[in-house]
Amino acid sequence: MARSHELLLSPANTAPALAANNVVGMFDAASVRHPEWYGSAYARWQGLLLPRLAARARLLVTASRFGREELVEVLGADPSRVAVVALGVDSRFVPAADPAPARRTYGLERPYVLALGSMIARKNLGVLHEAARHLEKQGIEVVVAGSGRGYMRPEDSPPGRPLGYVADGHLPGLYAGARAAVVPSRYEGFGLPCLEAMACGTPLVAAKAGALPETCGDAALLVDPDDAAGFADALVTVIGDVSLRERLRSRGLERAALFTWRRAAGLLDAELRKLLRAP
């Protein structure tokens, strides 16, 4: 049935490999660029599948200019067949989100800094150990929200307190209740947690890596992903400097407001209409 239609939209990094009508959402080439972050069987499968999809698809849709460059360089995609459609932030992520339910559920009795992401090596959470030690002296804990992935290499020794998988309904309040959010990942094709934190009015510290600088703009403090002292200094400064906090909060709200799902849907629709009009 899929082959009988002019286009087959597959939004999540995979699609029928032999189909000639594919439009594939492919947000990065991490599994081919860095197979060491993944299980060997998964990395081999991705190494075979993704270049084939990139070669045959009518269109690849990615979320950032960085992602586009990766698909071209790593997978050999034709640049003319890669479109950038930035993701959007759900309207639930607002500064007024109530942090109380998340605090009760996860026992968050102290002020905290939130790191949100899967407990896997590419998220680089181990770089936050020094920050966690400095913040602990101020009575602030680092909490890590996210679970592992069986096909990815786990984080060796994440800092702070792991919350595990956090129910989707608790995420807005978890962001809004944090003194700051931190995303130290070594490689991201977009970095949606950055925008979710900004939309909740939470000051952000992020890694100067992958698509994160592109996504964050001037609305976050950016730190080299290998600089443990830099993350510690940035988080301590953000928490202690009221004027900086307010500046990041204001810029973050403005930045996040640019990324809506309505806008994303409109951009994707425009790309699909181009294909449908093409000979």
Protein backbone atom coordinates (compact mmCIF):
# COMPACT_ATOMS: atom_id res chain seq x y z
CA MET A 1 0.00 0.00 0.00
CA ALA A 2 2.82 2.46 0.90
CA ARG A 3 4.31 2.16 -2.59
CA SER A 4 1.01 3.10 -4.22
CA HIS A 5 1.25 6.64 -2.88
CA GLU A 6 3.37 9.42 -4.29
CA LEU A 7 5.12 10.10 -0.97
CA LEU A 8 5.72 8.04 2.17
CA LEU A 9 6.51 10.21 5.21
CA SER A 10 8.58 8.46 7.89
CA PRO A 11 9.35 10.96 10.70
CA ALA A 12 11.72 9.00 12.95
CA ASN A 13 15.10 8.12 11.40
CA THR A 14 14.02 4.96 9.61
CA ALA A 15 11.93 3.96 6.59
CA PRO A 16 11.54 1.12 4.08
CA ALA A 17 15.04 0.95 2.60
CA LEU A 18 13.96 0.04 -0.94
CA ALA A 19 11.09 2.50 -1.32
CA ALA A 20 11.58 5.23 -3.90
CA ASN A 21 8.94 7.58 -2.46
CA ASN A 22 10.47 8.15 0.97
CA VAL A 23 10.46 11.44 2.85
CA VAL A 24 12.52 10.63 5.95
CA GLY A 25 12.92 12.63 9.16
CA MET A 26 16.57 12.16 10.03
CA PHE A 27 17.87 14.43 12.75
CA ASP A 28 21.55 13.55 12.82
CA ALA A 29 24.13 10.97 11.82
CA ALA A 30 25.36 10.18 15.33
CA SER A 31 25.22 6.40 14.98
CA VAL A 32 27.47 6.53 11.90
CA ARG A 33 29.68 9.42 13.01
CA HIS A 34 30.19 7.92 16.49
CA PRO A 35 29.45 4.17 16.42
CA GLU A 36 31.39 3.81 19.69
CA TRP A 37 28.42 5.35 21.50
CA TYR A 38 26.16 2.47 20.44
CA GLY A 39 25.92 -1.28 20.72
CA SER A 40 27.85 -3.03 17.95
CA ALA A 41 24.81 -4.66 16.32
CA TYR A 42 22.84 -1.40 16.30
CA ALA A 43 25.80 0.57 14.91
CA ARG A 44 26.29 -1.96 12.08
CA TRP A 45 22.59 -1.86 11.21
CA GLN A 46 22.55 1.93 11.18
CA GLY A 47 25.76 2.02 9.16
CA LEU A 48 24.04 0.00 6.44
CA LEU A 49 20.58 1.56 6.61
CA LEU A 50 21.15 5.30 6.91
CA PRO A 51 23.45 5.80 3.87
CA ARG A 52 21.01 3.77 1.77
CA LEU A 53 18.07 5.88 2.92
CA ALA A 54 20.07 9.05 2.29
CA ALA A 55 20.86 7.92 -1.24
CA ARG A 56 17.34 6.84 -2.22
CA ALA A 57 14.96 9.19 -0.39
CA ARG A 58 13.08 11.86 -2.29
CA LEU A 59 13.78 14.16 0.66
CA LEU A 60 15.51 14.07 4.04
CA VAL A 61 14.08 16.39 6.67
CA THR A 62 16.34 17.45 9.52
CA ALA A 63 15.97 19.97 12.34
CA SER A 64 19.08 22.17 12.05
CA ARG A 65 21.77 23.40 9.69
CA PHE A 66 24.22 21.29 11.70
CA GLY A 67 22.07 18.21 11.07
CA ARG A 68 21.97 19.00 7.36
CA GLU A 69 25.76 19.27 7.20
CA GLU A 70 26.11 15.95 9.01
CA LEU A 71 23.77 14.13 6.63
CA VAL A 72 25.70 15.48 3.65
CA GLU A 73 29.19 14.85 5.04
CA VAL A 74 28.68 11.56 6.89
CA LEU A 75 25.95 9.87 4.85
CA GLY A 76 26.71 11.36 1.45
CA ALA A 77 23.26 12.91 1.05
CA ASP A 78 22.64 15.25 -1.86
CA PRO A 79 22.39 18.76 -0.31
CA SER A 80 19.53 19.65 -2.64
CA ARG A 81 17.46 16.85 -1.11
CA VAL A 82 17.91 17.83 2.54
CA ALA A 83 15.47 20.32 4.07
CA VAL A 84 15.78 21.99 7.48
CA VAL A 85 12.58 22.12 9.54
CA ALA A 86 13.24 23.22 13.11
CA LEU A 87 11.20 21.53 15.84
CA GLY A 88 8.67 23.27 18.05
CA VAL A 89 8.00 23.66 21.77
CA ASP A 90 4.73 22.38 23.17
CA SER A 91 2.49 25.07 24.65
CA ARG A 92 2.56 23.27 28.04
CA PHE A 93 6.09 24.58 28.64
CA VAL A 94 5.50 27.95 30.30
CA PRO A 95 6.98 29.82 33.28
CA ALA A 96 3.69 29.39 35.16
CA ALA A 97 3.95 25.58 35.09
CA ASP A 98 3.37 24.31 38.63
CA PRO A 99 6.52 22.66 40.07
CA ALA A 100 4.74 21.26 43.15
CA PRO A 101 3.53 17.92 41.69
CA ALA A 102 7.02 17.06 40.39
CA ARG A 103 8.60 18.10 43.68
CA ARG A 104 6.26 15.81 45.61
CA THR A 105 6.63 12.89 43.21
CA TYR A 106 10.42 12.96 43.10
CA GLY A 107 11.14 14.20 46.61
CA LEU A 108 12.75 17.45 45.53
CA GLU A 109 13.01 19.18 48.87
CA ARG A 110 16.08 21.27 48.07
CA PRO A 111 16.81 23.77 45.30
CA TYR A 112 18.09 21.95 42.22
CA VAL A 113 19.74 22.22 38.83
CA LEU A 114 18.12 20.03 36.20
CA ALA A 115 19.99 17.93 33.64
CA LEU A 116 17.53 16.21 31.32
CA GLY A 117 18.56 13.48 28.90
CA SER A 118 19.02 9.76 28.46
CA MET A 119 21.66 8.20 30.71
CA ILE A 120 23.98 7.47 27.79
CA ALA A 121 27.56 8.34 26.93
CA ARG A 122 26.82 10.97 24.27
CA LYS A 123 24.92 13.09 26.81
CA ASN A 124 28.24 13.70 28.62
CA LEU A 125 26.66 13.96 32.08
CA GLY A 126 29.90 12.94 33.77
CA VAL A 127 31.36 16.39 33.03
CA LEU A 128 29.01 17.78 35.70
CA HIS A 129 30.67 16.12 38.70
CA GLU A 130 32.70 19.21 39.55
CA ALA A 131 29.63 21.41 39.18
CA ALA A 132 27.68 19.09 41.48
CA ARG A 133 30.38 19.39 44.17
CA HIS A 134 30.37 23.20 44.01
CA LEU A 135 26.59 23.44 44.03
CA GLU A 136 26.30 21.02 46.95
CA LYS A 137 28.21 23.55 49.08
CA GLN A 138 25.38 26.00 48.39
CA GLY A 139 22.67 23.49 49.29
CA ILE A 140 21.76 22.92 45.64
CA GLU A 141 21.63 19.45 44.13
CA VAL A 142 22.01 18.31 40.54
CA VAL A 143 19.15 16.05 39.48
CA VAL A 144 19.24 14.02 36.27
CA ALA A 145 15.95 13.15 34.56
CA GLY A 146 16.10 10.35 32.00
CA SER A 147 16.49 6.61 31.59
CA GLY A 148 18.99 4.44 29.74
CA ARG A 149 18.73 3.00 26.24
CA GLY A 150 19.60 -0.66 25.68
CA TYR A 151 21.18 -0.03 22.28
CA MET A 152 23.41 2.83 23.48
CA ARG A 153 26.50 2.79 25.66
CA PRO A 154 25.51 3.93 29.16
CA GLU A 155 26.93 6.91 30.99
CA ASP A 156 29.72 5.59 33.21
CA SER A 157 29.15 7.68 36.32
CA PRO A 158 26.45 10.36 36.12
CA PRO A 159 26.55 12.97 38.89
CA GLY A 160 23.90 14.05 41.33
CA ARG A 161 20.61 12.30 41.93
CA PRO A 162 19.05 10.23 39.13
CA LEU A 163 15.29 10.61 38.83
CA GLY A 164 14.94 7.97 36.12
CA TYR A 165 12.21 8.28 33.54
CA VAL A 166 10.05 11.34 34.24
CA ALA A 167 6.40 11.26 33.23
CA ASP A 168 5.64 13.70 30.45
CA GLY A 169 3.10 15.57 32.56
CA HIS A 170 5.74 16.44 35.16
CA LEU A 171 8.29 17.89 32.73
CA PRO A 172 7.03 21.51 32.53
CA GLY A 173 6.91 21.84 36.32
CA LEU A 174 10.29 20.14 36.67
CA TYR A 175 11.86 22.72 34.35
CA ALA A 176 10.00 25.66 35.89
CA GLY A 177 11.06 24.71 39.42
CA ALA A 178 14.78 24.45 38.61
CA ARG A 179 17.29 27.15 39.48
CA ALA A 180 18.95 26.38 36.14
CA ALA A 181 19.00 23.74 33.44
CA VAL A 182 22.12 22.22 31.91
CA VAL A 183 22.59 20.29 28.65
CA PRO A 184 26.25 19.15 28.36
CA SER A 185 25.73 16.79 25.40
CA ARG A 186 28.59 16.19 22.98
CA TYR A 187 26.33 15.77 19.96
CA GLU A 188 22.75 16.80 19.25
CA GLY A 189 20.92 17.30 15.98
CA PHE A 190 18.70 19.94 17.59
CA GLY A 191 18.44 20.00 21.40
CA LEU A 192 14.75 20.30 22.22
CA PRO A 193 15.31 20.25 26.04
CA CYS A 194 17.15 23.56 25.62
CA LEU A 195 14.07 25.24 24.19
CA GLU A 196 11.75 23.57 26.70
CA ALA A 197 13.85 25.00 29.55
CA MET A 198 13.85 28.44 27.93
CA ALA A 199 10.08 28.34 27.42
CA CYS A 200 9.70 27.67 31.15
CA GLY A 201 11.82 30.71 31.98
CA THR A 202 14.71 28.61 33.30
CA PRO A 203 18.27 29.92 32.76
CA LEU A 204 20.28 27.52 30.61
CA VAL A 205 23.90 26.34 30.40
CA ALA A 206 24.66 24.16 27.37
CA ALA A 207 27.57 22.58 25.56
CA LYS A 208 29.20 24.38 22.69
CA ALA A 209 28.79 21.28 20.50
CA GLY A 210 26.61 19.88 17.73
CA ALA A 211 23.48 21.88 16.99
CA LEU A 212 23.19 23.34 20.50
CA PRO A 213 24.79 26.74 19.72
CA GLU A 214 22.48 27.05 16.69
CA THR A 215 19.39 26.17 18.74
CA CYS A 216 20.28 28.29 21.76
CA GLY A 217 21.46 31.44 19.99
CA ASP A 218 22.41 34.06 22.58
CA ALA A 219 19.91 32.76 25.14
CA ALA A 220 22.28 30.40 27.02
CA LEU A 221 25.77 30.24 28.42
CA LEU A 222 27.80 27.90 26.18
CA VAL A 223 30.69 25.82 27.52
CA ASP A 224 33.15 23.45 25.83
CA PRO A 225 31.83 19.92 26.43
CA ASP A 226 35.18 18.81 27.93
CA ASP A 227 35.44 21.75 30.33
CA ALA A 228 34.24 20.48 33.71
CA ALA A 229 35.45 23.62 35.50
CA GLY A 230 33.70 25.75 32.90
CA PHE A 231 30.36 24.07 33.57
CA ALA A 232 30.86 24.49 37.31
CA ASP A 233 31.71 28.20 36.95
CA ALA A 234 28.82 28.83 34.57
CA LEU A 235 26.21 27.19 36.80
CA VAL A 236 27.48 28.84 39.98
CA THR A 237 27.48 32.21 38.18
CA VAL A 238 24.00 31.78 36.73
CA ILE A 239 22.57 30.89 40.12
CA GLY A 240 24.33 33.71 41.96
CA ASP A 241 24.12 36.57 39.46
CA VAL A 242 20.56 37.95 39.50
CA SER A 243 21.03 40.24 36.50
CA LEU A 244 22.47 37.41 34.41
CA ARG A 245 19.60 35.12 35.40
CA GLU A 246 17.04 37.69 34.32
CA ARG A 247 18.89 38.37 31.07
CA LEU A 248 19.00 34.66 30.20
CA ARG A 249 15.38 34.22 31.24
CA SER A 250 14.23 37.08 29.00
CA ARG A 251 16.31 36.00 26.03
CA GLY A 252 15.23 32.38 26.52
CA LEU A 253 11.53 33.23 26.47
CA GLU A 254 12.00 35.26 23.29
CA ARG A 255 14.05 32.51 21.67
CA ALA A 256 11.65 29.70 22.53
CA ALA A 257 8.69 31.69 21.20
CA LEU A 258 10.22 31.45 17.70
CA PHE A 259 9.92 27.66 17.68
CA THR A 260 6.31 26.50 17.45
CA TRP A 261 4.83 23.26 16.13
CA ARG A 262 2.52 25.32 13.91
CA ARG A 263 5.56 26.85 12.24
CA ALA A 264 7.24 23.45 11.93
CA ALA A 265 4.11 21.93 10.37
CA GLY A 266 3.89 24.80 7.90
CA LEU A 267 7.50 24.40 6.80
CA LEU A 268 7.12 20.64 6.38
CA ASP A 269 3.90 21.08 4.46
CA ALA A 270 5.63 23.51 2.10
CA GLU A 271 8.42 21.01 1.43
CA LEU A 272 5.95 18.21 0.72
CA ARG A 273 3.96 20.41 -1.65
CA LYS A 274 7.14 21.14 -3.62
CA LEU A 275 7.67 17.43 -4.10
CA LEU A 276 4.07 16.81 -5.09
CA ARG A 277 4.31 19.52 -7.75
CA ALA A 278 7.65 18.26 -9.06
CA PRO A 279 7.68 16.13 -12.26
